[in-house]
Amino acid sequence: MPKIDIATFVSEISKQLAVNSVHAICLIVSLVPVPFLLYYFIILELWKDIDWQAFLSGVSLTVALCIFIYISVRAIAWLLYTIIVPLAVWLVYTAVHGLAWLVRTVIVPGILWLLRVALPVLASLLYATVCRLAPRLRDMGFQSARAFANLIAGARAYPGPPHSADRRQGSA
């Protein structure tokens, strides 16, 4: 199956699911205000001394609210399965293929260039730098070795108190 057919297939499946279930979902969501009307009708005991005009006004307002909610949910569902879901599928499709394009045209050739061109050049530059610095490092090593030897020789020339004298004073 070609790549474009997969995106279209997923979009059509989600669209069919939304179309088949949108009426039931909208009806359930739109009937949410009805239990509140019944709750307040029972709690406030409006059923004992009924004012028909207030009751019918409350029912008509609840029905109007239910119709408004039903229409709003249908509009949101329509937007969902005609615009949002296909747009999301298209964005995922574009992101995946854009990343594949980036890997194919930029990342892999860049890594190959680094391995084939830049790495040997850096190795030769490092070799040239080490060869140029080797005499200096050798001279510096001899100088520091001489300084260290002089330091050791100087420490031997001036001996401190013998260890046995410290032990004798501590035990007395």
C-alpha atoms as a PDB file:
ATOM      1  CA  MET A   1       0.000   0.000   0.000  1.00  0.00           C
ATOM      2  CA  PRO A   2       1.558   3.366  -0.991  1.00  0.00           C
ATOM      3  CA  LYS A   3       2.269   5.921   1.709  1.00  0.00           C
ATOM      4  CA  ILE A   4      -0.450   8.377   0.679  1.00  0.00           C
ATOM      5  CA  ASP A   5      -3.056   5.602   0.785  1.00  0.00           C
ATOM      6  CA  ILE A   6      -2.203   4.873   4.436  1.00  0.00           C
ATOM      7  CA  ALA A   7      -2.903   8.484   5.440  1.00  0.00           C
ATOM      8  CA  THR A   8      -6.146   8.517   3.476  1.00  0.00           C
ATOM      9  CA  PHE A   9      -7.148   5.127   4.904  1.00  0.00           C
ATOM     10  CA  VAL A  10      -6.609   6.247   8.524  1.00  0.00           C
ATOM     11  CA  SER A  11      -8.461   9.489   7.857  1.00  0.00           C
ATOM     12  CA  GLU A  12     -11.431   7.679   6.331  1.00  0.00           C
ATOM     13  CA  ILE A  13     -11.609   5.111   9.167  1.00  0.00           C
ATOM     14  CA  SER A  14     -11.664   7.829  11.831  1.00  0.00           C
ATOM     15  CA  LYS A  15     -14.215   9.775   9.806  1.00  0.00           C
ATOM     16  CA  GLN A  16     -16.523   6.725   9.578  1.00  0.00           C
ATOM     17  CA  LEU A  17     -16.216   6.076  13.325  1.00  0.00           C
ATOM     18  CA  ALA A  18     -17.118   9.672  14.078  1.00  0.00           C
ATOM     19  CA  VAL A  19     -20.053   9.692  11.648  1.00  0.00           C
ATOM     20  CA  ASN A  20     -21.523   6.469  13.039  1.00  0.00           C
ATOM     21  CA  SER A  21     -21.314   7.463  16.692  1.00  0.00           C
ATOM     22  CA  VAL A  22     -21.842  11.219  16.569  1.00  0.00           C
ATOM     23  CA  HIS A  23     -25.650  11.167  16.930  1.00  0.00           C
ATOM     24  CA  ALA A  24     -25.629   8.971  20.043  1.00  0.00           C
ATOM     25  CA  ILE A  25     -22.837  10.964  21.670  1.00  0.00           C
ATOM     26  CA  CYS A  26     -24.520  14.286  20.925  1.00  0.00           C
ATOM     27  CA  LEU A  27     -27.858  13.055  22.261  1.00  0.00           C
ATOM     28  CA  ILE A  28     -26.307  11.815  25.511  1.00  0.00           C
ATOM     29  CA  VAL A  29     -24.356  15.033  26.041  1.00  0.00           C
ATOM     30  CA  SER A  30     -27.340  17.227  25.215  1.00  0.00           C
ATOM     31  CA  LEU A  31     -29.558  15.537  27.842  1.00  0.00           C
ATOM     32  CA  VAL A  32     -27.208  16.466  30.707  1.00  0.00           C
ATOM     33  CA  PRO A  33     -29.379  19.420  31.923  1.00  0.00           C
ATOM     34  CA  VAL A  34     -32.534  17.259  32.344  1.00  0.00           C
ATOM     35  CA  PRO A  35     -31.467  15.554  35.622  1.00  0.00           C
ATOM     36  CA  PHE A  36     -30.642  18.987  37.084  1.00  0.00           C
ATOM     37  CA  LEU A  37     -34.142  20.215  36.276  1.00  0.00           C
ATOM     38  CA  LEU A  38     -35.665  17.128  37.896  1.00  0.00           C
ATOM     39  CA  TYR A  39     -33.346  17.426  40.914  1.00  0.00           C
ATOM     40  CA  TYR A  40     -34.339  21.029  41.645  1.00  0.00           C
ATOM     41  CA  PHE A  41     -37.981  20.227  40.963  1.00  0.00           C
ATOM     42  CA  ILE A  42     -37.910  17.486  43.628  1.00  0.00           C
ATOM     43  CA  ILE A  43     -35.605  19.212  46.178  1.00  0.00           C
ATOM     44  CA  LEU A  44     -37.544  22.466  46.143  1.00  0.00           C
ATOM     45  CA  GLU A  45     -40.793  20.477  46.280  1.00  0.00           C
ATOM     46  CA  LEU A  46     -42.232  22.304  43.309  1.00  0.00           C
ATOM     47  CA  TRP A  47     -44.384  19.309  42.504  1.00  0.00           C
ATOM     48  CA  LYS A  48     -46.650  19.875  45.587  1.00  0.00           C
ATOM     49  CA  ASP A  49     -47.890  23.343  44.767  1.00  0.00           C
ATOM     50  CA  ILE A  50     -47.176  23.488  41.066  1.00  0.00           C
ATOM     51  CA  ASP A  51     -46.982  26.758  39.182  1.00  0.00           C
ATOM     52  CA  TRP A  52     -47.529  25.514  35.666  1.00  0.00           C
ATOM     53  CA  GLN A  53     -46.245  28.647  33.991  1.00  0.00           C
ATOM     54  CA  ALA A  54     -42.913  28.537  35.902  1.00  0.00           C
ATOM     55  CA  PHE A  55     -42.637  24.790  35.415  1.00  0.00           C
ATOM     56  CA  LEU A  56     -43.257  24.982  31.666  1.00  0.00           C
ATOM     57  CA  SER A  57     -40.875  27.933  31.404  1.00  0.00           C
ATOM     58  CA  GLY A  58     -38.201  25.858  33.135  1.00  0.00           C
ATOM     59  CA  VAL A  59     -38.898  22.894  30.870  1.00  0.00           C
ATOM     60  CA  SER A  60     -38.815  25.054  27.736  1.00  0.00           C
ATOM     61  CA  LEU A  61     -35.534  26.671  28.811  1.00  0.00           C
ATOM     62  CA  THR A  62     -34.083  23.224  29.519  1.00  0.00           C
ATOM     63  CA  VAL A  63     -35.236  21.972  26.121  1.00  0.00           C
ATOM     64  CA  ALA A  64     -33.715  25.042  24.450  1.00  0.00           C
ATOM     65  CA  LEU A  65     -30.478  24.421  26.329  1.00  0.00           C
ATOM     66  CA  CYS A  66     -30.499  20.755  25.272  1.00  0.00           C
ATOM     67  CA  ILE A  67     -31.042  21.717  21.638  1.00  0.00           C
ATOM     68  CA  PHE A  68     -28.242  24.290  21.827  1.00  0.00           C
ATOM     69  CA  ILE A  69     -25.896  21.724  23.368  1.00  0.00           C
ATOM     70  CA  TYR A  70     -26.866  19.133  20.731  1.00  0.00           C
ATOM     71  CA  ILE A  71     -26.191  21.562  17.872  1.00  0.00           C
ATOM     72  CA  SER A  72     -22.883  22.677  19.427  1.00  0.00           C
ATOM     73  CA  VAL A  73     -21.668  19.112  19.932  1.00  0.00           C
ATOM     74  CA  ARG A  74     -22.690  18.197  16.371  1.00  0.00           C
ATOM     75  CA  ALA A  75     -20.760  21.205  15.047  1.00  0.00           C
ATOM     76  CA  ILE A  76     -17.684  20.270  17.096  1.00  0.00           C
ATOM     77  CA  ALA A  77     -17.943  16.648  15.947  1.00  0.00           C
ATOM     78  CA  TRP A  78     -18.267  17.783  12.333  1.00  0.00           C
ATOM     79  CA  LEU A  79     -15.169  19.953  12.715  1.00  0.00           C
ATOM     80  CA  LEU A  80     -13.395  17.030  14.333  1.00  0.00           C
ATOM     81  CA  TYR A  81     -13.952  14.483  11.587  1.00  0.00           C
ATOM     82  CA  THR A  82     -13.768  16.847   8.619  1.00  0.00           C
ATOM     83  CA  ILE A  83     -10.924  19.157   9.598  1.00  0.00           C
ATOM     84  CA  ILE A  84      -9.035  18.226  12.767  1.00  0.00           C
ATOM     85  CA  VAL A  85      -8.488  14.479  12.269  1.00  0.00           C
ATOM     86  CA  PRO A  86      -7.415  14.716   8.603  1.00  0.00           C
ATOM     87  CA  LEU A  87      -5.212  17.690   9.477  1.00  0.00           C
ATOM     88  CA  ALA A  88      -3.573  15.747  12.322  1.00  0.00           C
ATOM     89  CA  VAL A  89      -3.002  12.748  10.056  1.00  0.00           C
ATOM     90  CA  TRP A  90      -1.563  15.024   7.389  1.00  0.00           C
ATOM     91  CA  LEU A  91       0.744  16.699   9.942  1.00  0.00           C
ATOM     92  CA  VAL A  92       2.037  13.336  11.181  1.00  0.00           C
ATOM     93  CA  TYR A  93       2.522  12.184   7.571  1.00  0.00           C
ATOM     94  CA  THR A  94       4.400  15.380   6.721  1.00  0.00           C
ATOM     95  CA  ALA A  95       6.554  15.209   9.859  1.00  0.00           C
ATOM     96  CA  VAL A  96       7.553  11.589   9.234  1.00  0.00           C
ATOM     97  CA  HIS A  97       8.393  12.166   5.595  1.00  0.00           C
ATOM     98  CA  GLY A  98      10.114  15.465   6.380  1.00  0.00           C
ATOM     99  CA  LEU A  99      12.309  13.691   8.907  1.00  0.00           C
ATOM    100  CA  ALA A 100      13.025  10.960   6.378  1.00  0.00           C
ATOM    101  CA  TRP A 101      13.989  13.627   3.839  1.00  0.00           C
ATOM    102  CA  LEU A 102      16.221  15.314   6.416  1.00  0.00           C
ATOM    103  CA  VAL A 103      17.956  12.044   7.261  1.00  0.00           C
ATOM    104  CA  ARG A 104      18.365  11.135   3.594  1.00  0.00           C
ATOM    105  CA  THR A 105      19.632  14.509   2.354  1.00  0.00           C
ATOM    106  CA  VAL A 106      21.366  16.184   5.298  1.00  0.00           C
ATOM    107  CA  ILE A 107      22.235  13.907   8.214  1.00  0.00           C
ATOM    108  CA  VAL A 108      23.605  10.825   6.437  1.00  0.00           C
ATOM    109  CA  PRO A 109      25.651  12.787   3.857  1.00  0.00           C
ATOM    110  CA  GLY A 110      26.936  15.012   6.667  1.00  0.00           C
ATOM    111  CA  ILE A 111      28.105  12.025   8.694  1.00  0.00           C
ATOM    112  CA  LEU A 112      29.701  10.471   5.619  1.00  0.00           C
ATOM    113  CA  TRP A 113      31.492  13.748   4.854  1.00  0.00           C
ATOM    114  CA  LEU A 114      32.741  13.922   8.456  1.00  0.00           C
ATOM    115  CA  LEU A 115      34.066  10.368   8.276  1.00  0.00           C
ATOM    116  CA  ARG A 116      35.583  10.593   4.786  1.00  0.00           C
ATOM    117  CA  VAL A 117      36.887  14.168   4.628  1.00  0.00           C
ATOM    118  CA  ALA A 118      36.989  15.918   7.978  1.00  0.00           C
ATOM    119  CA  LEU A 119      38.319  13.048  10.096  1.00  0.00           C
ATOM    120  CA  PRO A 120      41.410  12.400   7.928  1.00  0.00           C
ATOM    121  CA  VAL A 121      42.096  16.141   7.713  1.00  0.00           C
ATOM    122  CA  LEU A 122      41.827  16.480  11.485  1.00  0.00           C
ATOM    123  CA  ALA A 123      44.091  13.469  11.967  1.00  0.00           C
ATOM    124  CA  SER A 124      46.740  14.914   9.640  1.00  0.00           C
ATOM    125  CA  LEU A 125      46.514  18.315  11.377  1.00  0.00           C
ATOM    126  CA  LEU A 126      46.901  16.629  14.750  1.00  0.00           C
ATOM    127  CA  TYR A 127      49.916  14.677  13.483  1.00  0.00           C
ATOM    128  CA  ALA A 128      51.529  17.851  12.109  1.00  0.00           C
ATOM    129  CA  THR A 129      50.916  19.688  15.372  1.00  0.00           C
ATOM    130  CA  VAL A 130      52.405  16.866  17.458  1.00  0.00           C
ATOM    131  CA  CYS A 131      55.449  16.658  15.151  1.00  0.00           C
ATOM    132  CA  ARG A 132      55.965  20.407  15.436  1.00  0.00           C
ATOM    133  CA  LEU A 133      55.583  20.373  19.231  1.00  0.00           C
ATOM    134  CA  ALA A 134      57.618  17.215  19.881  1.00  0.00           C
ATOM    135  CA  PRO A 135      61.059  18.949  20.121  1.00  0.00           C
ATOM    136  CA  ARG A 136      59.625  21.572  22.465  1.00  0.00           C
ATOM    137  CA  LEU A 137      57.971  18.946  24.626  1.00  0.00           C
ATOM    138  CA  ARG A 138      61.204  16.948  24.720  1.00  0.00           C
ATOM    139  CA  ASP A 139      63.222  20.023  25.783  1.00  0.00           C
ATOM    140  CA  MET A 140      60.599  20.964  28.313  1.00  0.00           C
ATOM    141  CA  GLY A 141      60.660  17.428  29.697  1.00  0.00           C
ATOM    142  CA  PHE A 142      64.448  17.555  30.084  1.00  0.00           C
ATOM    143  CA  GLN A 143      64.255  20.918  31.806  1.00  0.00           C
ATOM    144  CA  SER A 144      61.572  19.778  34.215  1.00  0.00           C
ATOM    145  CA  ALA A 145      63.489  16.556  34.861  1.00  0.00           C
ATOM    146  CA  ARG A 146      66.603  18.595  35.678  1.00  0.00           C
ATOM    147  CA  ALA A 147      64.586  20.866  37.967  1.00  0.00           C
ATOM    148  CA  PHE A 148      63.071  17.863  39.710  1.00  0.00           C
ATOM    149  CA  ALA A 149      66.491  16.244  40.107  1.00  0.00           C
ATOM    150  CA  ASN A 150      67.887  19.461  41.546  1.00  0.00           C
ATOM    151  CA  LEU A 151      64.968  19.620  43.944  1.00  0.00           C
ATOM    152  CA  ILE A 152      65.634  16.053  45.113  1.00  0.00           C
ATOM    153  CA  ALA A 153      69.368  16.714  45.376  1.00  0.00           C
ATOM    154  CA  GLY A 154      68.709  19.882  47.368  1.00  0.00           C
ATOM    155  CA  ALA A 155      66.509  17.961  49.791  1.00  0.00           C
ATOM    156  CA  ARG A 156      69.323  15.439  50.331  1.00  0.00           C
ATOM    157  CA  ALA A 157      71.868  18.194  50.902  1.00  0.00           C
ATOM    158  CA  TYR A 158      69.928  19.546  53.862  1.00  0.00           C
ATOM    159  CA  PRO A 159      68.862  16.577  56.005  1.00  0.00           C
ATOM    160  CA  GLY A 160      66.343  17.169  58.755  1.00  0.00           C
ATOM    161  CA  PRO A 161      66.506  15.780  62.319  1.00  0.00           C
ATOM    162  CA  PRO A 162      67.006  12.035  62.502  1.00  0.00           C
ATOM    163  CA  HIS A 163      63.956   9.922  63.102  1.00  0.00           C
ATOM    164  CA  SER A 164      65.533   8.092  65.986  1.00  0.00           C
ATOM    165  CA  ALA A 165      65.924  11.355  67.944  1.00  0.00           C
ATOM    166  CA  ASP A 166      62.159  11.991  67.616  1.00  0.00           C
ATOM    167  CA  ARG A 167      61.411   8.536  68.933  1.00  0.00           C
ATOM    168  CA  ARG A 168      63.699   8.911  71.908  1.00  0.00           C
ATOM    169  CA  GLN A 169      62.103  12.201  72.940  1.00  0.00           C
ATOM    170  CA  GLY A 170      58.599  10.795  72.610  1.00  0.00           C
ATOM    171  CA  SER A 171      59.302   7.751  74.762  1.00  0.00           C
ATOM    172  CA  ALA A 172      61.047   9.658  77.571  1.00  0.00           C
END
